[in-house]
Amino acid sequence: MMGPYGYGVGWMAAGWITMLLFWALVIVGIVALVRWIGAQGAPSTRGSAGTPLEILKRRYASGEITKEQYESMKRDVV
């Protein structure tokens, strides 16, 4: 005889492992989601900021530089 627990002990161990894997996947998923959401709002620092002319156009469009400064810098870049 196997006792009062019989063959159920093996299934209990498999159940614990399954539950542990499930919660590990849930936690990893939450961490990945939080990191992805955080990256959506942050400006990208990995990629190129653009060509010098694109940067110059962006600065002029945002009002950082005047038209005269833009034209002068554009001649230097091109």
C-alpha atoms as a PDB file:
ATOM      1  CA  MET A   1       0.000   0.000   0.000  1.00  0.00           C
ATOM      2  CA  MET A   2       1.072   3.565  -0.672  1.00  0.00           C
ATOM      3  CA  GLY A   3      -0.481   5.135   2.435  1.00  0.00           C
ATOM      4  CA  PRO A   4      -3.230   7.745   2.680  1.00  0.00           C
ATOM      5  CA  TYR A   5      -1.653  10.012   0.023  1.00  0.00           C
ATOM      6  CA  GLY A   6      -0.921   7.299  -2.488  1.00  0.00           C
ATOM      7  CA  TYR A   7       0.042   8.522  -5.932  1.00  0.00           C
ATOM      8  CA  GLY A   8      -1.194  12.080  -5.332  1.00  0.00           C
ATOM      9  CA  VAL A   9       2.158  13.317  -4.021  1.00  0.00           C
ATOM     10  CA  GLY A  10       3.639  13.408  -7.525  1.00  0.00           C
ATOM     11  CA  TRP A  11       0.712  15.469  -8.805  1.00  0.00           C
ATOM     12  CA  MET A  12       1.058  17.889  -5.898  1.00  0.00           C
ATOM     13  CA  ALA A  13       4.690  18.512  -6.802  1.00  0.00           C
ATOM     14  CA  ALA A  14       3.754  19.100 -10.433  1.00  0.00           C
ATOM     15  CA  GLY A  15       1.025  21.480  -9.274  1.00  0.00           C
ATOM     16  CA  TRP A  16       3.474  23.530  -7.223  1.00  0.00           C
ATOM     17  CA  ILE A  17       5.903  23.746 -10.120  1.00  0.00           C
ATOM     18  CA  THR A  18       3.130  24.790 -12.483  1.00  0.00           C
ATOM     19  CA  MET A  19       1.921  27.440 -10.045  1.00  0.00           C
ATOM     20  CA  LEU A  20       5.466  28.729  -9.564  1.00  0.00           C
ATOM     21  CA  LEU A  21       6.006  28.984 -13.327  1.00  0.00           C
ATOM     22  CA  PHE A  22       2.638  30.708 -13.766  1.00  0.00           C
ATOM     23  CA  TRP A  23       3.417  33.407 -11.188  1.00  0.00           C
ATOM     24  CA  ALA A  24       6.939  33.852 -12.554  1.00  0.00           C
ATOM     25  CA  LEU A  25       5.478  34.470 -16.025  1.00  0.00           C
ATOM     26  CA  VAL A  26       2.920  36.899 -14.588  1.00  0.00           C
ATOM     27  CA  ILE A  27       5.641  38.884 -12.799  1.00  0.00           C
ATOM     28  CA  VAL A  28       7.904  38.926 -15.871  1.00  0.00           C
ATOM     29  CA  GLY A  29       4.957  40.071 -17.979  1.00  0.00           C
ATOM     30  CA  ILE A  30       4.130  42.920 -15.578  1.00  0.00           C
ATOM     31  CA  VAL A  31       7.760  44.068 -15.484  1.00  0.00           C
ATOM     32  CA  ALA A  32       7.967  43.988 -19.295  1.00  0.00           C
ATOM     33  CA  LEU A  33       4.702  45.944 -19.583  1.00  0.00           C
ATOM     34  CA  VAL A  34       5.870  48.616 -17.127  1.00  0.00           C
ATOM     35  CA  ARG A  35       9.197  48.990 -18.941  1.00  0.00           C
ATOM     36  CA  TRP A  36       7.438  49.226 -22.318  1.00  0.00           C
ATOM     37  CA  ILE A  37       4.997  51.864 -21.060  1.00  0.00           C
ATOM     38  CA  GLY A  38       7.874  53.821 -19.521  1.00  0.00           C
ATOM     39  CA  ALA A  39       9.803  53.718 -22.775  1.00  0.00           C
ATOM     40  CA  GLN A  40       6.837  55.107 -24.716  1.00  0.00           C
ATOM     41  CA  GLY A  41       6.950  58.428 -22.854  1.00  0.00           C
ATOM     42  CA  ALA A  42      10.720  58.830 -22.740  1.00  0.00           C
ATOM     43  CA  PRO A  43      12.591  60.364 -25.651  1.00  0.00           C
ATOM     44  CA  SER A  44      14.730  57.871 -27.489  1.00  0.00           C
ATOM     45  CA  THR A  45      18.426  58.132 -26.677  1.00  0.00           C
ATOM     46  CA  ARG A  46      19.484  55.079 -28.649  1.00  0.00           C
ATOM     47  CA  GLY A  47      18.830  56.160 -32.204  1.00  0.00           C
ATOM     48  CA  SER A  48      20.288  58.994 -34.173  1.00  0.00           C
ATOM     49  CA  ALA A  49      18.937  62.458 -33.426  1.00  0.00           C
ATOM     50  CA  GLY A  50      18.770  63.074 -37.172  1.00  0.00           C
ATOM     51  CA  THR A  51      20.905  64.738 -39.743  1.00  0.00           C
ATOM     52  CA  PRO A  52      22.357  68.152 -38.903  1.00  0.00           C
ATOM     53  CA  LEU A  53      19.864  69.793 -41.247  1.00  0.00           C
ATOM     54  CA  GLU A  54      16.914  68.034 -39.560  1.00  0.00           C
ATOM     55  CA  ILE A  55      18.161  69.157 -36.150  1.00  0.00           C
ATOM     56  CA  LEU A  56      18.551  72.698 -37.449  1.00  0.00           C
ATOM     57  CA  LYS A  57      15.015  72.683 -38.876  1.00  0.00           C
ATOM     58  CA  ARG A  58      13.640  71.363 -35.591  1.00  0.00           C
ATOM     59  CA  ARG A  59      15.427  74.071 -33.603  1.00  0.00           C
ATOM     60  CA  TYR A  60      14.101  76.774 -35.953  1.00  0.00           C
ATOM     61  CA  ALA A  61      10.570  75.360 -35.811  1.00  0.00           C
ATOM     62  CA  SER A  62      10.616  75.318 -32.007  1.00  0.00           C
ATOM     63  CA  GLY A  63      11.780  78.954 -31.888  1.00  0.00           C
ATOM     64  CA  GLU A  64      15.182  78.176 -30.444  1.00  0.00           C
ATOM     65  CA  ILE A  65      16.968  80.142 -33.170  1.00  0.00           C
ATOM     66  CA  THR A  66      16.025  83.082 -35.372  1.00  0.00           C
ATOM     67  CA  LYS A  67      15.632  83.031 -39.136  1.00  0.00           C
ATOM     68  CA  GLU A  68      18.986  84.734 -39.610  1.00  0.00           C
ATOM     69  CA  GLN A  69      20.714  82.160 -37.396  1.00  0.00           C
ATOM     70  CA  TYR A  70      18.926  79.377 -39.264  1.00  0.00           C
ATOM     71  CA  GLU A  71      20.049  80.672 -42.672  1.00  0.00           C
ATOM     72  CA  SER A  72      23.625  81.161 -41.475  1.00  0.00           C
ATOM     73  CA  MET A  73      23.848  77.700 -39.929  1.00  0.00           C
ATOM     74  CA  LYS A  74      22.173  76.143 -42.961  1.00  0.00           C
ATOM     75  CA  ARG A  75      24.887  77.537 -45.224  1.00  0.00           C
ATOM     76  CA  ASP A  76      27.521  76.075 -42.902  1.00  0.00           C
ATOM     77  CA  VAL A  77      25.869  72.640 -42.848  1.00  0.00           C
ATOM     78  CA  VAL A  78      25.114  72.323 -46.550  1.00  0.00           C
END
